[in-house]
Protein backbone atom coordinates (compact mmCIF):
# COMPACT_ATOMS: atom_id res chain seq x y z
CA MET A 1 -45.19 81.32 -35.49
CA GLN A 2 -44.54 78.13 -33.34
CA GLN A 3 -46.84 75.20 -34.09
CA ARG A 4 -48.44 73.05 -31.58
CA THR A 5 -48.18 69.22 -32.27
CA LEU A 6 -50.58 66.72 -30.56
CA ARG A 7 -51.71 63.12 -30.74
CA PHE A 8 -55.32 62.91 -31.47
CA ARG A 9 -58.08 60.79 -30.22
CA ALA A 10 -61.72 60.77 -30.61
CA PRO A 11 -63.75 63.55 -28.64
CA LYS A 12 -64.49 62.62 -25.28
CA ARG A 13 -67.55 63.67 -23.22
CA VAL A 14 -67.11 66.32 -20.57
CA SER A 15 -68.36 65.84 -17.06
CA ARG A 16 -72.04 66.36 -16.13
CA SER A 17 -71.00 69.44 -14.04
CA ILE A 18 -70.02 71.40 -17.07
CA SER A 19 -73.21 70.58 -18.81
CA CYS A 20 -75.23 71.65 -15.74
CA ALA A 21 -72.97 74.86 -15.27
CA SER A 22 -73.67 75.68 -18.75
CA ALA A 23 -77.25 75.38 -18.43
CA ILE A 24 -77.26 77.43 -15.32
CA LEU A 25 -75.37 80.16 -17.33
CA PHE A 26 -77.85 80.43 -19.99
CA PHE A 27 -81.21 79.75 -18.19
CA VAL A 28 -81.11 80.97 -14.73
CA ALA A 29 -79.86 84.54 -14.92
CA PRO A 30 -82.53 86.95 -13.88
CA ALA A 31 -84.60 87.86 -17.07
CA THR A 32 -85.36 91.46 -15.72
CA SER A 33 -81.76 92.71 -15.31
CA ALA A 34 -80.63 95.64 -17.06
CA ALA A 35 -77.66 93.77 -18.54
CA GLU A 36 -80.19 91.31 -20.24
CA THR A 37 -82.39 94.25 -21.26
CA ASP A 38 -79.29 95.72 -23.04
CA ARG A 39 -78.45 92.44 -24.45
CA ASP A 40 -82.01 91.93 -26.06
CA ALA A 41 -81.56 95.31 -27.56
CA ALA A 42 -78.05 94.58 -29.14
CA LYS A 43 -79.71 91.27 -30.50
CA ALA A 44 -82.52 93.22 -32.07
CA ALA A 45 -79.95 95.67 -33.43
CA VAL A 46 -77.89 92.85 -35.23
CA ARG A 47 -81.15 91.22 -36.50
CA ALA A 48 -82.23 94.52 -38.04
CA GLU A 49 -78.78 94.91 -39.63
CA VAL A 50 -79.03 91.25 -41.05
CA ALA A 51 -82.28 92.09 -42.45
CA ALA A 52 -81.12 95.28 -44.01
CA TYR A 53 -78.38 93.51 -45.73
CA SER A 54 -80.20 90.36 -46.77
CA GLU A 55 -81.23 91.42 -50.35
CA ARG A 56 -77.31 92.07 -50.95
CA ALA A 57 -76.48 88.92 -49.27
CA ALA A 58 -78.89 87.11 -51.62
CA ASP A 59 -77.16 88.77 -54.47
CA VAL A 60 -73.71 87.85 -53.53
CA ALA A 61 -74.70 84.40 -52.87
CA HIS A 62 -76.34 84.04 -56.38
CA GLN A 63 -73.18 85.57 -58.01
CA ILE A 64 -71.04 82.91 -56.32
CA TRP A 65 -73.60 80.22 -57.41
CA GLU A 66 -73.13 81.37 -61.03
CA TYR A 67 -69.44 81.34 -60.60
CA ALA A 68 -69.44 77.73 -59.36
CA GLU A 69 -65.73 77.72 -58.81
CA LEU A 70 -63.86 74.64 -57.67
CA GLY A 71 -61.43 74.42 -54.70
CA TYR A 72 -58.31 76.80 -54.68
CA GLN A 73 -59.74 78.29 -58.19
CA GLU A 74 -62.26 80.45 -56.32
CA GLU A 75 -60.80 83.71 -57.52
CA ARG A 76 -63.88 85.48 -58.34
CA SER A 77 -65.94 84.19 -55.31
CA SER A 78 -63.21 85.01 -52.96
CA ASN A 79 -62.66 88.48 -54.42
CA LEU A 80 -66.47 89.27 -54.19
CA LEU A 81 -66.43 88.45 -50.41
CA GLN A 82 -63.46 90.38 -49.77
CA LYS A 83 -64.74 93.42 -51.61
CA GLU A 84 -67.98 93.24 -49.48
CA LEU A 85 -66.00 93.29 -46.26
CA ALA A 86 -63.73 95.80 -47.30
CA THR A 87 -66.50 98.14 -48.31
CA ALA A 88 -67.91 97.67 -44.84
CA GLY A 89 -64.66 98.74 -43.28
CA PHE A 90 -62.92 95.40 -42.66
CA ARG A 91 -59.10 95.16 -42.71
CA VAL A 92 -58.62 92.43 -45.38
CA LYS A 93 -55.60 90.27 -45.57
CA PRO A 94 -55.68 88.17 -48.75
CA GLY A 95 -53.71 85.12 -49.86
CA VAL A 96 -53.14 83.91 -46.20
CA ALA A 97 -51.51 80.54 -45.18
CA GLY A 98 -50.18 80.14 -48.69
CA MET A 99 -53.57 79.82 -50.37
CA PRO A 100 -54.31 82.58 -52.93
CA THR A 101 -57.97 82.50 -52.42
CA ALA A 102 -57.84 82.39 -48.55
CA PHE A 103 -58.38 85.77 -46.66
CA GLU A 104 -58.74 87.03 -43.25
CA ALA A 105 -60.84 90.30 -42.60
CA SER A 106 -61.07 91.81 -39.24
CA PHE A 107 -63.24 94.86 -37.84
CA GLY A 108 -63.06 96.47 -34.44
CA ARG A 109 -60.27 96.51 -31.81
CA GLY A 110 -58.99 94.49 -28.86
CA GLU A 111 -60.66 91.35 -27.16
CA PRO A 112 -62.57 89.36 -27.31
CA VAL A 113 -61.85 88.05 -30.85
CA ILE A 114 -64.89 86.32 -32.39
CA GLY A 115 -64.08 84.41 -35.51
CA VAL A 116 -66.81 83.43 -38.21
CA LEU A 117 -65.94 80.80 -40.89
CA ALA A 118 -66.64 81.28 -44.62
CA GLU A 119 -66.71 78.84 -47.48
CA PHE A 120 -67.19 79.40 -51.26
CA ASP A 121 -66.02 76.40 -53.25
CA ALA A 122 -68.26 74.26 -55.57
CA LEU A 123 -68.49 70.57 -56.50
CA PRO A 124 -67.25 69.22 -59.85
CA GLY A 125 -70.03 67.80 -62.42
CA LEU A 126 -73.03 69.12 -60.74
CA SER A 127 -74.13 72.15 -62.91
CA GLN A 128 -77.92 72.79 -62.52
CA GLU A 129 -80.39 75.26 -63.16
CA ALA A 130 -82.58 76.82 -60.49
CA LEU A 131 -85.52 74.45 -61.51
CA PRO A 132 -87.19 71.43 -59.96
CA GLN A 133 -86.19 69.08 -62.66
CA ARG A 134 -82.74 67.89 -63.74
CA ARG A 135 -81.16 70.43 -66.20
CA PRO A 136 -77.62 71.29 -66.10
CA ARG A 137 -76.59 74.91 -66.79
CA VAL A 138 -73.46 73.42 -68.64
CA ASP A 139 -73.06 69.58 -68.93
CA GLY A 140 -70.08 68.57 -66.80
CA ALA A 141 -69.42 71.80 -65.15
CA PRO A 142 -69.35 72.61 -61.47
CA GLY A 143 -72.28 73.40 -59.22
CA HIS A 144 -72.94 74.42 -55.73
CA ALA A 145 -74.31 71.12 -54.46
CA CYS A 146 -73.07 71.76 -50.88
CA GLY A 147 -74.39 75.43 -50.67
CA HIS A 148 -71.08 76.88 -49.93
CA HIS A 149 -72.12 80.04 -52.00
CA LEU A 150 -74.84 80.55 -49.20
CA PHE A 151 -72.19 79.81 -46.54
CA GLY A 152 -69.88 82.39 -47.59
CA ALA A 153 -72.53 85.23 -48.05
CA GLY A 154 -74.16 84.32 -44.80
CA SER A 155 -71.10 84.39 -42.74
CA VAL A 156 -70.17 87.86 -44.42
CA ALA A 157 -73.81 89.16 -43.48
CA THR A 158 -73.11 87.92 -40.07
CA ALA A 159 -69.80 89.80 -39.72
CA ILE A 160 -71.09 93.02 -41.31
CA ALA A 161 -74.26 93.10 -38.93
CA VAL A 162 -72.01 92.58 -35.92
CA SER A 163 -69.42 95.15 -37.16
CA ARG A 164 -72.16 98.01 -37.41
CA TRP A 165 -73.34 97.23 -33.84
CA LEU A 166 -69.75 97.22 -32.59
CA GLU A 167 -69.12 100.63 -34.24
CA GLU A 168 -72.43 102.16 -33.18
CA THR A 169 -72.20 101.19 -29.50
CA GLY A 170 -68.44 101.52 -29.27
CA THR A 171 -68.41 97.96 -27.84
CA ARG A 172 -64.86 96.68 -27.51
CA GLY A 173 -63.86 93.45 -29.23
CA THR A 174 -63.00 92.29 -32.81
CA ILE A 175 -65.14 90.23 -35.31
CA ARG A 176 -63.04 88.49 -37.78
CA VAL A 177 -64.01 86.48 -41.05
CA TYR A 178 -61.72 83.57 -42.18
CA GLY A 179 -62.25 82.99 -46.02
CA ALA A 180 -61.46 79.19 -46.14
CA PRO A 181 -61.16 77.67 -49.71
CA ALA A 182 -61.41 74.15 -50.75
CA GLU A 183 -63.42 72.59 -48.14
CA GLU A 184 -64.49 69.85 -50.71
CA GLY A 185 -61.49 67.72 -50.68
CA GLY A 186 -58.73 70.52 -50.25
CA ALA A 187 -59.02 70.97 -46.53
CA GLY A 188 -58.32 74.76 -46.52
CA LYS A 189 -59.06 75.28 -42.90
CA VAL A 190 -56.38 72.69 -42.01
CA TYR A 191 -53.70 75.12 -43.43
CA LEU A 192 -55.23 78.23 -41.81
CA THR A 193 -54.96 76.24 -38.50
CA ARG A 194 -51.54 74.96 -39.18
CA ALA A 195 -50.38 78.51 -39.81
CA GLY A 196 -51.63 79.60 -36.37
CA LEU A 197 -54.24 82.20 -37.64
CA PHE A 198 -56.70 81.15 -35.02
CA SER A 199 -54.25 81.61 -31.93
CA ASP A 200 -55.89 84.74 -30.69
CA VAL A 201 -59.42 83.69 -31.37
CA ASP A 202 -61.74 83.31 -28.28
CA ALA A 203 -64.51 81.48 -30.00
CA MET A 204 -65.40 80.38 -33.67
CA LEU A 205 -68.87 80.29 -35.19
CA HIS A 206 -69.83 78.71 -38.48
CA TRP A 207 -73.01 77.37 -40.12
CA HIS A 208 -73.75 75.11 -43.01
CA PRO A 209 -76.76 74.98 -45.48
CA GLY A 210 -78.96 72.19 -44.92
CA ASP A 211 -82.57 70.95 -45.28
CA ARG A 212 -83.51 71.92 -41.88
CA ASN A 213 -82.50 74.39 -39.03
CA GLY A 214 -80.63 72.85 -36.24
CA VAL A 215 -77.41 73.09 -34.13
CA THR A 216 -74.49 70.83 -34.40
CA TRP A 217 -74.36 69.03 -31.24
CA GLY A 218 -72.25 65.82 -31.98
CA THR A 219 -69.06 64.93 -33.82
CA MET A 220 -68.25 64.08 -37.56
CA LEU A 221 -66.05 61.82 -39.21
CA ALA A 222 -62.26 62.24 -39.66
CA VAL A 223 -61.03 61.66 -43.23
CA LYS A 224 -57.87 61.28 -45.24
CA SER A 225 -57.36 61.00 -49.01
CA ALA A 226 -54.85 60.32 -51.63
CA LYS A 227 -54.20 59.92 -55.12
CA PHE A 228 -52.38 56.74 -56.18
CA ARG A 229 -50.42 56.78 -59.25
CA PHE A 230 -49.54 53.38 -60.96
CA ARG A 231 -47.05 53.27 -63.70
CA GLY A 232 -46.39 50.32 -66.03
CA TYR A 233 -45.20 49.78 -69.71
CA ALA A 234 -47.20 50.55 -72.76
CA ALA A 235 -47.43 47.97 -75.47
CA HIS A 236 -49.95 46.66 -78.24
CA ALA A 237 -52.55 45.07 -76.43
CA ALA A 238 -53.06 42.42 -79.07
CA ALA A 239 -49.70 42.11 -80.77
CA SER A 240 -47.40 42.35 -77.81
CA PRO A 241 -49.26 42.21 -74.48
CA ASP A 242 -46.43 40.15 -72.99
CA ARG A 243 -44.08 43.13 -73.19
CA GLY A 244 -46.57 45.46 -71.42
CA ARG A 245 -47.17 46.07 -67.85
CA SER A 246 -50.58 47.35 -67.11
CA ALA A 247 -50.95 50.31 -64.53
CA LEU A 248 -54.72 49.74 -64.70
CA ASP A 249 -54.04 46.19 -63.60
CA GLY A 250 -52.42 47.96 -60.48
CA VAL A 251 -55.43 50.09 -59.87
CA GLU A 252 -57.87 47.00 -60.21
CA ALA A 253 -55.91 44.92 -58.05
CA MET A 254 -55.86 47.68 -55.42
CA THR A 255 -59.70 48.34 -55.48
CA THR A 256 -60.18 44.46 -55.25
CA MET A 257 -58.10 44.34 -51.99
CA VAL A 258 -59.57 47.53 -50.60
CA ASN A 259 -63.10 46.15 -51.02
CA LEU A 260 -62.04 42.91 -49.45
CA LEU A 261 -60.57 45.08 -46.50
CA ARG A 262 -64.00 46.50 -45.68
CA GLU A 263 -65.00 43.33 -44.00
CA HIS A 264 -62.20 43.75 -41.49
CA VAL A 265 -62.57 47.45 -40.54
CA PRO A 266 -64.43 48.97 -37.81
CA GLN A 267 -68.32 49.38 -38.46
CA GLU A 268 -68.12 53.23 -38.60
CA THR A 269 -65.37 53.10 -41.35
CA ARG A 270 -66.28 54.63 -44.78
CA ILE A 271 -63.91 53.97 -47.93
CA HIS A 272 -64.83 55.33 -51.24
CA TYR A 273 -62.72 55.96 -54.42
CA ILE A 274 -62.90 56.88 -58.06
CA ILE A 275 -60.66 55.74 -60.94
CA THR A 276 -59.37 59.07 -62.36
CA ARG A 277 -57.26 57.75 -65.24
CA GLY A 278 -57.50 54.25 -66.59
CA GLY A 279 -55.63 54.49 -69.93
CA ALA A 280 -56.15 56.24 -73.43
CA ALA A 281 -57.30 53.41 -75.54
CA PRO A 282 -58.38 49.71 -75.15
CA ASN A 283 -55.62 48.56 -77.70
CA ILE A 284 -52.82 50.00 -75.69
CA VAL A 285 -51.70 48.50 -72.37
CA PRO A 286 -52.01 51.33 -70.01
CA ASP A 287 -48.78 52.90 -68.75
CA PHE A 288 -50.39 55.19 -66.44
CA ALA A 289 -53.48 54.91 -63.99
CA GLU A 290 -54.77 56.84 -61.03
CA LEU A 291 -57.07 56.05 -58.13
CA TYR A 292 -58.47 58.75 -55.88
CA LEU A 293 -59.51 57.34 -52.40
CA TYR A 294 -61.09 58.59 -49.33
CA LEU A 295 -60.84 56.84 -45.91
CA ARG A 296 -63.03 58.06 -43.08
CA HIS A 297 -63.63 56.99 -39.30
CA PRO A 298 -64.61 59.03 -36.29
CA ASP A 299 -61.38 58.82 -34.59
CA PRO A 300 -58.43 60.23 -36.35
CA LEU A 301 -55.98 57.53 -34.77
CA THR A 302 -57.99 54.79 -36.40
CA VAL A 303 -57.82 56.64 -39.69
CA GLU A 304 -54.21 56.76 -39.30
CA SER A 305 -53.93 52.91 -38.54
CA LEU A 306 -56.07 51.93 -41.44
CA TRP A 307 -54.24 54.16 -43.67
CA LEU A 308 -51.05 52.10 -43.35
CA ARG A 309 -53.19 49.06 -44.48
CA ILE A 310 -54.29 51.03 -47.55
CA ILE A 311 -50.57 51.95 -48.24
CA GLU A 312 -49.59 48.25 -47.84
CA ILE A 313 -52.49 47.26 -50.27
CA SER A 314 -51.20 49.74 -52.82
CA ASP A 315 -47.54 48.44 -52.67
CA ALA A 316 -48.76 44.89 -52.87
CA SER A 317 -50.82 45.78 -56.02
CA ALA A 318 -47.75 47.06 -57.55
CA MET A 319 -45.67 44.15 -56.67
CA GLY A 320 -48.31 41.60 -57.95
CA THR A 321 -48.67 43.45 -61.29
CA ARG A 322 -45.10 44.31 -61.70
CA THR A 323 -45.84 48.06 -61.81
CA SER A 324 -44.91 50.92 -59.61
CA VAL A 325 -46.88 53.10 -57.39
CA GLU A 326 -46.52 56.40 -55.48
CA HIS A 327 -49.29 58.43 -53.70
CA GLU A 328 -49.81 61.91 -52.99
CA VAL A 329 -51.92 62.82 -49.69
CA ILE A 330 -54.52 65.34 -50.94
CA HIS A 331 -56.41 66.23 -47.90
CA GLY A 332 -57.05 65.14 -44.28
CA SER A 333 -59.16 66.60 -41.38
CA HIS A 334 -60.01 65.54 -37.92
CA SER A 335 -63.42 64.86 -36.21
CA LEU A 336 -65.37 67.66 -34.96
CA LEU A 337 -64.84 68.63 -31.23
CA PRO A 338 -68.23 69.53 -29.84
CA ASN A 339 -68.79 72.50 -27.46
CA GLU A 340 -72.03 72.38 -25.49
CA THR A 341 -71.64 75.79 -24.18
CA LEU A 342 -71.71 77.38 -27.62
CA SER A 343 -74.20 75.09 -28.80
CA LEU A 344 -76.64 76.04 -26.22
CA LEU A 345 -76.23 79.69 -27.01
CA LEU A 346 -76.66 78.94 -30.81
CA PHE A 347 -79.74 76.91 -30.01
CA GLU A 348 -81.32 79.46 -27.82
CA ASN A 349 -80.80 82.24 -30.59
CA LEU A 350 -81.77 80.01 -33.40
CA SER A 351 -85.07 79.15 -31.55
CA GLU A 352 -85.71 82.85 -31.16
CA VAL A 353 -85.06 83.39 -34.91
CA GLY A 354 -87.26 80.60 -35.97
CA GLY A 355 -87.56 78.74 -39.32
CA VAL A 356 -88.12 79.42 -42.79
CA LYS A 357 -91.56 80.11 -44.37
CA TYR A 358 -92.15 79.58 -47.98
CA ASP A 359 -94.37 81.99 -50.16
CA GLU A 360 -96.70 80.40 -52.74
CA LYS A 361 -94.03 80.25 -55.54
CA GLU A 362 -91.51 78.64 -53.11
CA GLN A 363 -94.11 76.18 -51.96
CA ALA A 364 -94.83 75.08 -55.62
CA PHE A 365 -91.11 74.79 -56.16
CA ALA A 366 -90.73 72.69 -53.05
CA GLU A 367 -93.43 70.41 -53.84
CA ALA A 368 -92.18 69.60 -57.47
CA LEU A 369 -88.55 69.13 -56.11
CA TYR A 370 -89.76 66.95 -53.25
CA ALA A 371 -91.37 64.64 -55.83
CA THR A 372 -87.88 63.86 -57.23
CA PHE A 373 -86.53 62.58 -54.01
CA GLU A 374 -85.91 58.90 -53.06
CA ARG A 375 -86.63 57.93 -49.51
CA PRO A 376 -86.52 61.49 -48.17
CA THR A 377 -85.55 61.73 -44.45
CA ALA A 378 -87.54 65.05 -43.68
CA LYS A 379 -91.06 66.16 -44.81
CA LEU A 380 -92.27 69.57 -46.43
CA GLY A 381 -92.89 71.86 -43.38
CA ASP A 382 -89.84 70.67 -41.48
CA GLN A 383 -88.10 74.09 -42.67
CA GLU A 384 -90.34 75.98 -40.37
CA THR A 385 -89.15 74.34 -37.15
CA ILE A 386 -85.98 73.99 -35.27
CA ALA A 387 -84.57 70.60 -35.08
CA PRO A 388 -84.38 69.18 -31.32
CA ARG A 389 -81.20 68.46 -29.84
CA GLU A 390 -79.49 65.30 -31.07
CA ASP A 391 -76.18 64.05 -29.66
CA ARG A 392 -75.12 61.89 -32.62
CA LEU A 393 -72.35 61.11 -35.29
CA TYR A 394 -72.85 63.12 -38.42
CA PRO A 395 -71.83 60.71 -41.36
CA GLY A 396 -69.74 63.29 -43.23
CA SER A 397 -66.46 65.28 -42.62
CA THR A 398 -65.31 68.80 -42.59
CA ASP A 399 -62.24 70.73 -42.16
CA VAL A 400 -63.94 72.67 -39.49
CA GLY A 401 -62.87 69.55 -37.41
CA ASP A 402 -59.28 70.87 -37.28
CA VAL A 403 -60.52 74.46 -36.15
CA SER A 404 -62.56 72.86 -33.35
CA TRP A 405 -59.43 71.01 -31.91
CA ASN A 406 -57.70 74.54 -31.60
CA VAL A 407 -60.33 76.99 -30.49
CA PRO A 408 -63.88 76.60 -28.88
CA THR A 409 -66.17 76.18 -31.87
CA GLY A 410 -70.04 76.01 -32.40
CA GLY A 411 -72.15 75.58 -35.52
CA LEU A 412 -75.64 75.46 -36.88
CA SER A 413 -77.46 74.70 -39.95
CA GLY A 414 -80.00 76.79 -41.94
CA ALA A 415 -82.92 75.38 -44.03
CA SER A 416 -81.42 76.49 -47.37
CA TRP A 417 -82.70 73.45 -49.31
CA VAL A 418 -86.19 71.81 -49.47
CA PRO A 419 -86.70 69.34 -46.51
CA GLY A 420 -85.35 65.76 -47.51
CA THR A 421 -82.73 67.15 -50.02
CA ALA A 422 -79.51 65.17 -50.11
CA PRO A 423 -76.29 67.15 -49.92
CA HIS A 424 -74.06 66.90 -53.03
CA SER A 425 -77.17 66.46 -55.20
CA TRP A 426 -78.58 68.51 -58.30
CA GLN A 427 -81.63 69.32 -56.02
CA ALA A 428 -79.46 71.31 -53.48
CA VAL A 429 -77.92 73.11 -56.43
CA ALA A 430 -81.49 73.99 -57.58
CA ALA A 431 -82.89 75.22 -54.48
CA GLY A 432 -79.53 77.01 -53.48
CA GLY A 433 -80.10 78.97 -56.75
CA MET A 434 -83.41 80.45 -55.95
CA SER A 435 -85.03 82.32 -53.01
CA ILE A 436 -85.42 79.22 -50.81
CA GLY A 437 -81.56 79.23 -50.31
CA ALA A 438 -81.60 83.11 -49.53
CA LYS A 439 -83.99 82.62 -46.78
CA GLY A 440 -81.65 80.14 -45.11
CA ILE A 441 -78.89 82.72 -45.13
CA ARG A 442 -80.95 84.97 -43.07
CA VAL A 443 -81.92 82.63 -40.59
CA ALA A 444 -78.42 81.56 -40.10
CA ALA A 445 -76.87 84.98 -39.99
CA GLU A 446 -79.36 86.37 -37.48
CA ALA A 447 -78.69 83.45 -35.20
CA LEU A 448 -75.01 83.73 -35.52
CA ALA A 449 -74.89 87.50 -35.02
CA MET A 450 -77.04 87.19 -31.94
CA THR A 451 -74.76 84.73 -30.49
CA ALA A 452 -71.70 86.87 -31.34
CA VAL A 453 -73.47 89.54 -29.20
CA ASP A 454 -73.81 87.03 -26.34
CA LEU A 455 -70.04 86.43 -26.55
CA PHE A 456 -69.10 90.08 -26.80
CA LEU A 457 -71.28 91.06 -23.79
CA ASP A 458 -70.78 88.01 -21.52
CA PRO A 459 -67.12 87.20 -20.79
CA ALA A 460 -68.41 84.30 -18.51
CA SER A 461 -69.99 82.66 -21.71
CA ILE A 462 -66.25 82.78 -23.39
CA ALA A 463 -64.63 81.47 -20.13
CA ALA A 464 -67.39 78.63 -19.98
CA ALA A 465 -66.61 77.64 -23.44
CA ARG A 466 -62.87 77.78 -22.76
CA GLU A 467 -63.13 75.73 -19.85
CA GLU A 468 -65.30 72.95 -21.61
CA PHE A 469 -62.85 73.05 -24.42
CA GLU A 470 -59.75 72.51 -22.22
CA GLU A 471 -61.49 69.69 -20.36
CA ARG A 472 -62.52 67.87 -23.65
CA LEU A 473 -58.90 68.20 -25.03
CA GLY A 474 -57.36 66.82 -21.73
CA PRO A 475 -53.95 67.63 -20.61
CA ASP A 476 -51.84 65.51 -23.03
CA PHE A 477 -53.66 66.81 -26.22
CA HIS A 478 -51.09 67.89 -29.08
CA TYR A 479 -52.27 69.01 -32.58
CA SER A 480 -50.95 67.34 -35.58
CA ALA A 481 -52.54 67.72 -39.06
CA LEU A 482 -53.40 64.63 -40.95
CA VAL A 483 -52.06 66.11 -44.13
CA GLY A 484 -48.61 66.31 -42.43
CA ASP A 485 -46.26 69.00 -43.71
CA ARG A 486 -47.32 69.22 -47.31
CA ASP A 487 -48.14 72.37 -49.02
CA PRO A 488 -51.90 73.23 -50.03
CA PRO A 489 -52.71 71.06 -53.03
CA LEU A 490 -53.58 74.06 -55.16
CA ASP A 491 -54.00 72.03 -58.49
CA PHE A 492 -55.93 69.05 -57.08
CA ARG A 493 -59.04 70.00 -58.96
CA ARG A 494 -57.19 70.67 -62.32
């Protein structure tokens, strides 16, 4: 399939006319029309289907939580989700876009085609029991600290609910799940995008576990990462240091200059790194060392510009230490392109579903976990509400960004963690491994399924989302992946 190429820039705001048109589309239609009555019945039907599947969804999520598989290694997690969808009658294509754990699963026929994204990878080193105190299940093992086990199970619950409604009512259209591996540093959705798998999708829906319920109104940071590998010459560090060339010196020189660079980059820039290899023993001059670095900024063009300076620093570091250096780009993703039309639909439906209510056991767990937080940004009870609209920059990155620049995309968050929980923390793993996480699945799946119903029954909403999407892109937009033409880094976590 022919790929589009494009030059990127930060998301631009659409004109006020589109925002007003969207508002009119959603809130001025006569509430007593037969069409709206049918739509209300359809939404009630998909909510009932989500409720009927909710216990199974919780079981699926917990199995993936226990698997805790890293990016591109999610064989059992991916197979479990594929099996759920195949059992529900979906046509499943495994191993798409050159990624063994990626998949595409479709149900229905014809247009419109509504996509739902699913993730399922864990994070390294964050193993944790489902307890409100730090206790790894296995020391040093992975854990689901970003809730992708919930993400995958919730998206499957959404799609199965919608598929049953499509079948029972004979409604024309296709619901399609995209199993996207390795969101955490592997950019699986970038390769799905680059392969053209979204070319016939009319709208894409997604969600993410969080510490409160809300809709994604703003954008996120573009990101690019690489592993910088320095090579020198080994020698005895005491007997013959002059005959050695330290690869670790190259890494340390690079980190020093990168930290000096921080003073001279735009304020929104984020740079972080780890030293993954620093030598074998103190008495051996290291002949190999490796630095793993992330660079982020809201504007992908700024990321690319700053990236050139990072490369210059690596070259200078090698020159100054008489070592050599090479780098491998590991992942990269673009900022998120908002779509207010879809966000308004999601907000309306999420507000109807409402938030999460804890039972007595969950409340006690939440209170104990909350006591472990430092400077929490939310309070207990916030999980029961829907966060108000907030157009802002979210200080993280996601490979959903690349999807959003190729198809109208809208997303939400469901309160699957205790309010105030930091992402990528053991507290997120703990809450996600018990019933609090499962309740977030149900809220998200109901709101997503209801929004899919809106899109299937109202072609005008799809047209409005597409019109806004095209205006935000502008006439000169051409997509180009920040990872370039590299193949998926299937071994980056090994």
